[in-house]
Amino acid sequence: HDVSGVIAALGPDYNGPLRIGQDVVALLAPARGEGQAEY
């Protein structure tokens, strides 16, 4: 659930301030998880 990495791609409807290539940290929702993977 907790990951650190780089933004690789943005969905077609994303229009926020985040950009590809930024170093980020994320806490993934419990129902989804899937943080221990390359992407």
PDB file of all heavy atoms in Angstrom:
ATOM      1  N   HIS A   1       0.806  -1.219   0.000  1.00  0.00           N
ATOM      2  CA  HIS A   1       0.000   0.000   0.000  1.00  0.00           C
ATOM      3  C   HIS A   1       0.838   1.268   0.000  1.00  0.00           C
ATOM      4  O   HIS A   1       0.347   2.322  -0.396  1.00  0.00           O
ATOM      5  CB  HIS A   1      -0.934   0.020   1.216  1.00  0.00           C
ATOM      6  CG  HIS A   1      -1.912  -1.101   1.225  1.00  0.00           C
ATOM      7  ND1 HIS A   1      -3.102  -1.047   0.541  1.00  0.00           N
ATOM      8  CD2 HIS A   1      -1.878  -2.326   1.810  1.00  0.00           C
ATOM      9  CE1 HIS A   1      -3.761  -2.190   0.706  1.00  0.00           C
ATOM     10  NE2 HIS A   1      -3.037  -2.974   1.468  1.00  0.00           N
ATOM     11  N   ASP A   2       2.079   1.206   0.472  1.00  0.00           N
ATOM     12  CA  ASP A   2       2.887   2.422   0.490  1.00  0.00           C
ATOM     13  C   ASP A   2       4.075   2.274  -0.451  1.00  0.00           C
ATOM     14  O   ASP A   2       4.860   1.341  -0.346  1.00  0.00           O
ATOM     15  CB  ASP A   2       3.331   2.814   1.901  1.00  0.00           C
ATOM     16  CG  ASP A   2       3.618   1.646   2.819  1.00  0.00           C
ATOM     17  OD1 ASP A   2       3.720   0.495   2.348  1.00  0.00           O
ATOM     18  OD2 ASP A   2       3.765   1.885   4.024  1.00  0.00           O
ATOM     19  N   VAL A   3       4.154   3.213  -1.387  1.00  0.00           N
ATOM     20  CA  VAL A   3       5.150   3.126  -2.457  1.00  0.00           C
ATOM     21  C   VAL A   3       5.823   4.479  -2.685  1.00  0.00           C
ATOM     22  O   VAL A   3       5.271   5.535  -2.369  1.00  0.00           O
ATOM     23  CB  VAL A   3       4.515   2.652  -3.787  1.00  0.00           C
ATOM     24  CG1 VAL A   3       3.841   1.312  -3.626  1.00  0.00           C
ATOM     25  CG2 VAL A   3       3.538   3.680  -4.337  1.00  0.00           C
ATOM     26  N   SER A   4       7.016   4.401  -3.244  1.00  0.00           N
ATOM     27  CA  SER A   4       7.723   5.599  -3.694  1.00  0.00           C
ATOM     28  C   SER A   4       8.281   5.313  -5.083  1.00  0.00           C
ATOM     29  O   SER A   4       8.802   4.216  -5.333  1.00  0.00           O
ATOM     30  CB  SER A   4       8.856   5.949  -2.724  1.00  0.00           C
ATOM     31  OG  SER A   4       9.497   7.151  -3.105  1.00  0.00           O
ATOM     32  N   GLY A   5       8.143   6.277  -5.966  1.00  0.00           N
ATOM     33  CA  GLY A   5       8.607   6.053  -7.335  1.00  0.00           C
ATOM     34  C   GLY A   5       8.446   7.276  -8.191  1.00  0.00           C
ATOM     35  O   GLY A   5       8.462   8.411  -7.695  1.00  0.00           O
ATOM     36  N   VAL A   6       8.264   7.059  -9.470  1.00  0.00           N
ATOM     37  CA  VAL A   6       8.216   8.130 -10.463  1.00  0.00           C
ATOM     38  C   VAL A   6       6.923   8.011 -11.268  1.00  0.00           C
ATOM     39  O   VAL A   6       6.525   6.905 -11.657  1.00  0.00           O
ATOM     40  CB  VAL A   6       9.424   8.040 -11.410  1.00  0.00           C
ATOM     41  CG1 VAL A   6       9.386   9.155 -12.451  1.00  0.00           C
ATOM     42  CG2 VAL A   6      10.725   8.090 -10.624  1.00  0.00           C
ATOM     43  N   ILE A   7       6.273   9.137 -11.527  1.00  0.00           N
ATOM     44  CA  ILE A   7       5.067   9.114 -12.352  1.00  0.00           C
ATOM     45  C   ILE A   7       5.458   8.724 -13.773  1.00  0.00           C
ATOM     46  O   ILE A   7       6.268   9.388 -14.420  1.00  0.00           O
ATOM     47  CB  ILE A   7       4.351  10.468 -12.346  1.00  0.00           C
ATOM     48  CG1 ILE A   7       3.845  10.795 -10.931  1.00  0.00           C
ATOM     49  CG2 ILE A   7       3.184  10.467 -13.336  1.00  0.00           C
ATOM     50  CD1 ILE A   7       3.169  12.141 -10.819  1.00  0.00           C
ATOM     51  N   ALA A   8       4.881   7.605 -14.241  1.00  0.00           N
ATOM     52  CA  ALA A   8       5.217   7.082 -15.566  1.00  0.00           C
ATOM     53  C   ALA A   8       4.200   7.479 -16.629  1.00  0.00           C
ATOM     54  O   ALA A   8       4.546   7.615 -17.809  1.00  0.00           O
ATOM     55  CB  ALA A   8       5.326   5.556 -15.510  1.00  0.00           C
ATOM     56  N   ALA A   9       2.934   7.639 -16.228  1.00  0.00           N
ATOM     57  CA  ALA A   9       1.888   7.999 -17.192  1.00  0.00           C
ATOM     58  C   ALA A   9       0.685   8.551 -16.443  1.00  0.00           C
ATOM     59  O   ALA A   9       0.483   8.269 -15.252  1.00  0.00           O
ATOM     60  CB  ALA A   9       1.482   6.784 -18.023  1.00  0.00           C
ATOM     61  N   LEU A  10      -0.113   9.344 -17.146  1.00  0.00           N
ATOM     62  CA  LEU A  10      -1.335   9.923 -16.591  1.00  0.00           C
ATOM     63  C   LEU A  10      -2.518   9.488 -17.431  1.00  0.00           C
ATOM     64  O   LEU A  10      -2.426   9.414 -18.665  1.00  0.00           O
ATOM     65  CB  LEU A  10      -1.240  11.450 -16.569  1.00  0.00           C
ATOM     66  CG  LEU A  10      -0.082  12.041 -15.753  1.00  0.00           C
ATOM     67  CD1 LEU A  10       0.063  13.527 -16.061  1.00  0.00           C
ATOM     68  CD2 LEU A  10      -0.300  11.814 -14.262  1.00  0.00           C
ATOM     69  N   GLY A  11      -3.635   9.189 -16.758  1.00  0.00           N
ATOM     70  CA  GLY A  11      -4.836   8.817 -17.484  1.00  0.00           C
ATOM     71  C   GLY A  11      -5.334   9.953 -18.363  1.00  0.00           C
ATOM     72  O   GLY A  11      -5.032  11.127 -18.115  1.00  0.00           O
ATOM     73  N   PRO A  12      -6.121   9.641 -19.377  1.00  0.00           N
ATOM     74  CA  PRO A  12      -6.563  10.667 -20.343  1.00  0.00           C
ATOM     75  C   PRO A  12      -7.411  11.773 -19.728  1.00  0.00           C
ATOM     76  O   PRO A  12      -7.494  12.874 -20.299  1.00  0.00           O
ATOM     77  CB  PRO A  12      -7.363   9.856 -21.369  1.00  0.00           C
ATOM     78  CG  PRO A  12      -7.757   8.591 -20.656  1.00  0.00           C
ATOM     79  CD  PRO A  12      -6.640   8.298 -19.716  1.00  0.00           C
ATOM     80  N   ASP A  13      -8.042  11.512 -18.593  1.00  0.00           N
ATOM     81  CA  ASP A  13      -8.903  12.520 -17.988  1.00  0.00           C
ATOM     82  C   ASP A  13      -8.231  13.276 -16.844  1.00  0.00           C
ATOM     83  O   ASP A  13      -8.869  14.130 -16.203  1.00  0.00           O
ATOM     84  CB  ASP A  13     -10.186  11.860 -17.458  1.00  0.00           C
ATOM     85  CG  ASP A  13     -11.007  11.229 -18.563  1.00  0.00           C
ATOM     86  OD1 ASP A  13     -10.917  11.711 -19.714  1.00  0.00           O
ATOM     87  OD2 ASP A  13     -11.706  10.228 -18.287  1.00  0.00           O
ATOM     88  N   TYR A  14      -6.960  12.980 -16.561  1.00  0.00           N
ATOM     89  CA  TYR A  14      -6.293  13.674 -15.456  1.00  0.00           C
ATOM     90  C   TYR A  14      -5.920  15.091 -15.888  1.00  0.00           C
ATOM     91  O   TYR A  14      -5.315  15.297 -16.947  1.00  0.00           O
ATOM     92  CB  TYR A  14      -5.029  12.934 -15.022  1.00  0.00           C
ATOM     93  CG  TYR A  14      -4.308  13.662 -13.901  1.00  0.00           C
ATOM     94  CD1 TYR A  14      -4.759  13.569 -12.595  1.00  0.00           C
ATOM     95  CD2 TYR A  14      -3.212  14.482 -14.173  1.00  0.00           C
ATOM     96  CE1 TYR A  14      -4.133  14.263 -11.574  1.00  0.00           C
ATOM     97  CE2 TYR A  14      -2.576  15.182 -13.156  1.00  0.00           C
ATOM     98  CZ  TYR A  14      -3.055  15.067 -11.858  1.00  0.00           C
ATOM     99  OH  TYR A  14      -2.436  15.768 -10.836  1.00  0.00           O
ATOM    100  N   ASN A  15      -6.273  16.094 -15.063  1.00  0.00           N
ATOM    101  CA  ASN A  15      -5.959  17.484 -15.398  1.00  0.00           C
ATOM    102  C   ASN A  15      -5.410  18.247 -14.198  1.00  0.00           C
ATOM    103  O   ASN A  15      -5.558  19.465 -14.104  1.00  0.00           O
ATOM    104  CB  ASN A  15      -7.199  18.195 -15.959  1.00  0.00           C
ATOM    105  CG  ASN A  15      -8.358  18.196 -14.966  1.00  0.00           C
ATOM    106  OD1 ASN A  15      -8.224  17.704 -13.842  1.00  0.00           O
ATOM    107  ND2 ASN A  15      -9.488  18.753 -15.381  1.00  0.00           N
ATOM    108  N   GLY A  16      -4.790  17.526 -13.270  1.00  0.00           N
ATOM    109  CA  GLY A  16      -4.237  18.155 -12.076  1.00  0.00           C
ATOM    110  C   GLY A  16      -2.799  18.613 -12.270  1.00  0.00           C
ATOM    111  O   GLY A  16      -2.270  18.624 -13.383  1.00  0.00           O
ATOM    112  N   PRO A  17      -2.143  18.974 -11.160  1.00  0.00           N
ATOM    113  CA  PRO A  17      -0.791  19.556 -11.242  1.00  0.00           C
ATOM    114  C   PRO A  17       0.340  18.543 -11.393  1.00  0.00           C
ATOM    115  O   PRO A  17       1.465  18.921 -11.704  1.00  0.00           O
ATOM    116  CB  PRO A  17      -0.665  20.294  -9.903  1.00  0.00           C
ATOM    117  CG  PRO A  17      -1.531  19.493  -8.964  1.00  0.00           C
ATOM    118  CD  PRO A  17      -2.693  19.017  -9.795  1.00  0.00           C
ATOM    119  N   LEU A  18       0.080  17.262 -11.147  1.00  0.00           N
ATOM    120  CA  LEU A  18       1.137  16.262 -11.226  1.00  0.00           C
ATOM    121  C   LEU A  18       1.586  16.068 -12.664  1.00  0.00           C
ATOM    122  O   LEU A  18       0.780  16.166 -13.600  1.00  0.00           O
ATOM    123  CB  LEU A  18       0.668  14.932 -10.631  1.00  0.00           C
ATOM    124  CG  LEU A  18       0.348  14.958  -9.127  1.00  0.00           C
ATOM    125  CD1 LEU A  18      -0.293  13.641  -8.697  1.00  0.00           C
ATOM    126  CD2 LEU A  18       1.613  15.228  -8.301  1.00  0.00           C
ATOM    127  N   ARG A  19       2.885  15.757 -12.841  1.00  0.00           N
ATOM    128  CA  ARG A  19       3.455  15.614 -14.170  1.00  0.00           C
ATOM    129  C   ARG A  19       4.302  14.347 -14.271  1.00  0.00           C
ATOM    130  O   ARG A  19       4.880  13.891 -13.277  1.00  0.00           O
ATOM    131  CB  ARG A  19       4.330  16.836 -14.508  1.00  0.00           C
ATOM    132  CG  ARG A  19       3.569  18.154 -14.588  1.00  0.00           C
ATOM    133  CD  ARG A  19       2.659  18.183 -15.794  1.00  0.00           C
ATOM    134  NE  ARG A  19       1.880  19.421 -15.887  1.00  0.00           N
ATOM    135  CZ  ARG A  19       0.626  19.544 -15.477  1.00  0.00           C
ATOM    136  NH1 ARG A  19      -0.016  18.500 -14.931  1.00  0.00           N
ATOM    137  NH2 ARG A  19      -0.010  20.692 -15.592  1.00  0.00           N
ATOM    138  N   ILE A  20       4.383  13.809 -15.483  1.00  0.00           N
ATOM    139  CA  ILE A  20       5.223  12.647 -15.736  1.00  0.00           C
ATOM    140  C   ILE A  20       6.670  12.975 -15.373  1.00  0.00           C
ATOM    141  O   ILE A  20       7.167  14.063 -15.677  1.00  0.00           O
ATOM    142  CB  ILE A  20       5.114  12.211 -17.208  1.00  0.00           C
ATOM    143  CG1 ILE A  20       3.713  11.663 -17.500  1.00  0.00           C
ATOM    144  CG2 ILE A  20       6.166  11.160 -17.559  1.00  0.00           C
ATOM    145  CD1 ILE A  20       3.453  11.374 -18.960  1.00  0.00           C
ATOM    146  N   GLY A  21       7.328  12.040 -14.684  1.00  0.00           N
ATOM    147  CA  GLY A  21       8.721  12.221 -14.290  1.00  0.00           C
ATOM    148  C   GLY A  21       8.912  12.707 -12.870  1.00  0.00           C
ATOM    149  O   GLY A  21      10.051  12.701 -12.369  1.00  0.00           O
ATOM    150  N   GLN A  22       7.844  13.147 -12.200  1.00  0.00           N
ATOM    151  CA  GLN A  22       7.982  13.616 -10.820  1.00  0.00           C
ATOM    152  C   GLN A  22       8.163  12.449  -9.856  1.00  0.00           C
ATOM    153  O   GLN A  22       7.553  11.390 -10.011  1.00  0.00           O
ATOM    154  CB  GLN A  22       6.745  14.425 -10.403  1.00  0.00           C
ATOM    155  CG  GLN A  22       6.656  15.795 -11.052  1.00  0.00           C
ATOM    156  CD  GLN A  22       5.440  16.577 -10.576  1.00  0.00           C
ATOM    157  OE1 GLN A  22       4.329  16.053 -10.565  1.00  0.00           O
ATOM    158  NE2 GLN A  22       5.656  17.824 -10.187  1.00  0.00           N
ATOM    159  N   ASP A  23       9.017  12.666  -8.840  1.00  0.00           N
ATOM    160  CA  ASP A  23       9.184  11.689  -7.767  1.00  0.00           C
ATOM    161  C   ASP A  23       8.044  11.845  -6.771  1.00  0.00           C
ATOM    162  O   ASP A  23       7.807  12.954  -6.258  1.00  0.00           O
ATOM    163  CB  ASP A  23      10.516  11.909  -7.039  1.00  0.00           C
ATOM    164  CG  ASP A  23      11.714  11.511  -7.881  1.00  0.00           C
ATOM    165  OD1 ASP A  23      11.546  10.694  -8.797  1.00  0.00           O
ATOM    166  OD2 ASP A  23      12.821  12.016  -7.612  1.00  0.00           O
ATOM    167  N   VAL A  24       7.340  10.767  -6.489  1.00  0.00           N
ATOM    168  CA  VAL A  24       6.161  10.831  -5.634  1.00  0.00           C
ATOM    169  C   VAL A  24       6.134   9.676  -4.636  1.00  0.00           C
ATOM    170  O   VAL A  24       6.825   8.673  -4.798  1.00  0.00           O
ATOM    171  CB  VAL A  24       4.858  10.813  -6.464  1.00  0.00           C
ATOM    172  CG1 VAL A  24       4.706  12.087  -7.280  1.00  0.00           C
ATOM    173  CG2 VAL A  24       4.807   9.577  -7.359  1.00  0.00           C
ATOM    174  N   VAL A  25       5.307   9.868  -3.624  1.00  0.00           N
ATOM    175  CA  VAL A  25       5.019   8.850  -2.623  1.00  0.00           C
ATOM    176  C   VAL A  25       3.513   8.661  -2.611  1.00  0.00           C
ATOM    177  O   VAL A  25       2.765   9.634  -2.776  1.00  0.00           O
ATOM    178  CB  VAL A  25       5.502   9.288  -1.228  1.00  0.00           C
ATOM    179  CG1 VAL A  25       5.311   8.175  -0.212  1.00  0.00           C
ATOM    180  CG2 VAL A  25       6.961   9.723  -1.282  1.00  0.00           C
ATOM    181  N   ALA A  26       3.052   7.431  -2.429  1.00  0.00           N
ATOM    182  CA  ALA A  26       1.608   7.195  -2.444  1.00  0.00           C
ATOM    183  C   ALA A  26       1.210   6.187  -1.373  1.00  0.00           C
ATOM    184  O   ALA A  26       1.971   5.274  -1.050  1.00  0.00           O
ATOM    185  CB  ALA A  26       1.159   6.700  -3.815  1.00  0.00           C
ATOM    186  N   LEU A  27       0.013   6.395  -0.847  1.00  0.00           N
ATOM    187  CA  LEU A  27      -0.626   5.431   0.049  1.00  0.00           C
ATOM    188  C   LEU A  27      -1.863   4.917  -0.671  1.00  0.00           C
ATOM    189  O   LEU A  27      -2.847   5.641  -0.836  1.00  0.00           O
ATOM    190  CB  LEU A  27      -1.005   6.080   1.379  1.00  0.00           C
ATOM    191  CG  LEU A  27      -1.765   5.190   2.366  1.00  0.00           C
ATOM    192  CD1 LEU A  27      -0.963   3.947   2.704  1.00  0.00           C
ATOM    193  CD2 LEU A  27      -2.105   5.955   3.638  1.00  0.00           C
ATOM    194  N   LEU A  28      -1.821   3.688  -1.130  1.00  0.00           N
ATOM    195  CA  LEU A  28      -2.888   3.120  -1.948  1.00  0.00           C
ATOM    196  C   LEU A  28      -4.042   2.624  -1.090  1.00  0.00           C
ATOM    197  O   LEU A  28      -3.841   2.109   0.017  1.00  0.00           O
ATOM    198  CB  LEU A  28      -2.332   1.966  -2.792  1.00  0.00           C
ATOM    199  CG  LEU A  28      -1.078   2.302  -3.614  1.00  0.00           C
ATOM    200  CD1 LEU A  28      -0.590   1.064  -4.348  1.00  0.00           C
ATOM    201  CD2 LEU A  28      -1.367   3.427  -4.586  1.00  0.00           C
ATOM    202  N   ALA A  29      -5.248   2.747  -1.601  1.00  0.00           N
ATOM    203  CA  ALA A  29      -6.448   2.353  -0.872  1.00  0.00           C
ATOM    204  C   ALA A  29      -6.394   0.876  -0.508  1.00  0.00           C
ATOM    205  O   ALA A  29      -5.868   0.049  -1.266  1.00  0.00           O
ATOM    206  CB  ALA A  29      -7.690   2.635  -1.721  1.00  0.00           C
ATOM    207  N   PRO A  30      -6.955   0.506   0.654  1.00  0.00           N
ATOM    208  CA  PRO A  30      -6.860  -0.872   1.127  1.00  0.00           C
ATOM    209  C   PRO A  30      -7.513  -1.876   0.208  1.00  0.00           C
ATOM    210  O   PRO A  30      -7.053  -3.012   0.092  1.00  0.00           O
ATOM    211  CB  PRO A  30      -7.554  -0.831   2.492  1.00  0.00           C
ATOM    212  CG  PRO A  30      -8.425   0.378   2.449  1.00  0.00           C
ATOM    213  CD  PRO A  30      -7.696   1.359   1.604  1.00  0.00           C
ATOM    214  N   ALA A  31      -8.583  -1.493  -0.459  1.00  0.00           N
ATOM    215  CA  ALA A  31      -9.290  -2.447  -1.314  1.00  0.00           C
ATOM    216  C   ALA A  31      -8.532  -2.750  -2.594  1.00  0.00           C
ATOM    217  O   ALA A  31      -8.801  -3.750  -3.254  1.00  0.00           O
ATOM    218  CB  ALA A  31     -10.676  -1.904  -1.658  1.00  0.00           C
ATOM    219  N   ARG A  32      -7.545  -1.885  -2.931  1.00  0.00           N
ATOM    220  CA  ARG A  32      -6.836  -2.057  -4.190  1.00  0.00           C
ATOM    221  C   ARG A  32      -5.403  -2.533  -3.974  1.00  0.00           C
ATOM    222  O   ARG A  32      -4.981  -3.543  -4.516  1.00  0.00           O
ATOM    223  CB  ARG A  32      -6.848  -0.745  -4.971  1.00  0.00           C
ATOM    224  CG  ARG A  32      -6.370  -0.898  -6.401  1.00  0.00           C
ATOM    225  CD  ARG A  32      -6.568   0.379  -7.199  1.00  0.00           C
ATOM    226  NE  ARG A  32      -5.665   1.448  -6.786  1.00  0.00           N
ATOM    227  CZ  ARG A  32      -6.023   2.475  -6.035  1.00  0.00           C
ATOM    228  NH1 ARG A  32      -7.260   2.597  -5.620  1.00  0.00           N
ATOM    229  NH2 ARG A  32      -5.157   3.407  -5.705  1.00  0.00           N
ATOM    230  N   GLY A  33      -4.623  -1.814  -3.167  1.00  0.00           N
ATOM    231  CA  GLY A  33      -3.255  -2.225  -2.917  1.00  0.00           C
ATOM    232  C   GLY A  33      -2.446  -2.334  -4.193  1.00  0.00           C
ATOM    233  O   GLY A  33      -2.393  -1.416  -4.996  1.00  0.00           O
ATOM    234  N   GLU A  34      -1.793  -3.469  -4.374  1.00  0.00           N
ATOM    235  CA  GLU A  34      -1.010  -3.782  -5.577  1.00  0.00           C
ATOM    236  C   GLU A  34       0.201  -2.867  -5.737  1.00  0.00           C
ATOM    237  O   GLU A  34       0.630  -2.556  -6.838  1.00  0.00           O
ATOM    238  CB  GLU A  34      -1.889  -3.744  -6.826  1.00  0.00           C
ATOM    239  CG  GLU A  34      -3.035  -4.759  -6.770  1.00  0.00           C
ATOM    240  CD  GLU A  34      -3.851  -4.806  -8.054  1.00  0.00           C
ATOM    241  OE1 GLU A  34      -4.025  -3.753  -8.698  1.00  0.00           O
ATOM    242  OE2 GLU A  34      -4.310  -5.902  -8.423  1.00  0.00           O
ATOM    243  N   GLY A  35       0.791  -2.457  -4.607  1.00  0.00           N
ATOM    244  CA  GLY A  35       1.939  -1.564  -4.657  1.00  0.00           C
ATOM    245  C   GLY A  35       3.276  -2.264  -4.814  1.00  0.00           C
ATOM    246  O   GLY A  35       4.267  -1.619  -5.168  1.00  0.00           O
ATOM    247  N   GLN A  36       3.336  -3.561  -4.542  1.00  0.00           N
ATOM    248  CA  GLN A  36       4.616  -4.260  -4.651  1.00  0.00           C
ATOM    249  C   GLN A  36       4.772  -4.855  -6.053  1.00  0.00           C
ATOM    250  O   GLN A  36       4.751  -6.065  -6.256  1.00  0.00           O
ATOM    251  CB  GLN A  36       4.751  -5.319  -3.568  1.00  0.00           C
ATOM    252  CG  GLN A  36       5.083  -4.670  -2.225  1.00  0.00           C
ATOM    253  CD  GLN A  36       5.446  -5.655  -1.167  1.00  0.00           C
ATOM    254  OE1 GLN A  36       5.863  -6.768  -1.433  1.00  0.00           O
ATOM    255  NE2 GLN A  36       5.267  -5.242   0.085  1.00  0.00           N
ATOM    256  N   ALA A  37       4.912  -3.955  -6.988  1.00  0.00           N
ATOM    257  CA  ALA A  37       5.061  -4.307  -8.399  1.00  0.00           C
ATOM    258  C   ALA A  37       5.849  -3.212  -9.078  1.00  0.00           C
ATOM    259  O   ALA A  37       5.981  -2.104  -8.541  1.00  0.00           O
ATOM    260  CB  ALA A  37       3.692  -4.472  -9.052  1.00  0.00           C
ATOM    261  N   GLU A  38       6.380  -3.496 -10.261  1.00  0.00           N
ATOM    262  CA  GLU A  38       7.158  -2.488 -10.979  1.00  0.00           C
ATOM    263  C   GLU A  38       6.313  -1.274 -11.338  1.00  0.00           C
ATOM    264  O   GLU A  38       6.823  -0.154 -11.397  1.00  0.00           O
ATOM    265  CB  GLU A  38       7.754  -3.094 -12.245  1.00  0.00           C
ATOM    266  CG  GLU A  38       8.949  -3.991 -12.006  1.00  0.00           C
ATOM    267  CD  GLU A  38       9.580  -4.422 -13.309  1.00  0.00           C
ATOM    268  OE1 GLU A  38       9.001  -5.308 -13.985  1.00  0.00           O
ATOM    269  OE2 GLU A  38      10.647  -3.873 -13.656  1.00  0.00           O
ATOM    270  N   TYR A  39       5.024  -1.490 -11.588  1.00  0.00           N
ATOM    271  CA  TYR A  39       4.106  -0.407 -11.900  1.00  0.00           C
ATOM    272  C   TYR A  39       2.829  -0.599 -11.099  1.00  0.00           C
ATOM    273  O   TYR A  39       2.357  -1.728 -10.912  1.00  0.00           O
ATOM    274  CB  TYR A  39       3.774  -0.374 -13.393  1.00  0.00           C
ATOM    275  CG  TYR A  39       4.940   0.033 -14.247  1.00  0.00           C
ATOM    276  CD1 TYR A  39       5.831  -0.917 -14.728  1.00  0.00           C
ATOM    277  CD2 TYR A  39       5.177   1.373 -14.563  1.00  0.00           C
ATOM    278  CE1 TYR A  39       6.921  -0.554 -15.511  1.00  0.00           C
ATOM    279  CE2 TYR A  39       6.252   1.743 -15.348  1.00  0.00           C
ATOM    280  CZ  TYR A  39       7.125   0.776 -15.807  1.00  0.00           C
ATOM    281  OH  TYR A  39       8.208   1.146 -16.567  1.00  0.00           O
TER     282      TYR A  39
END
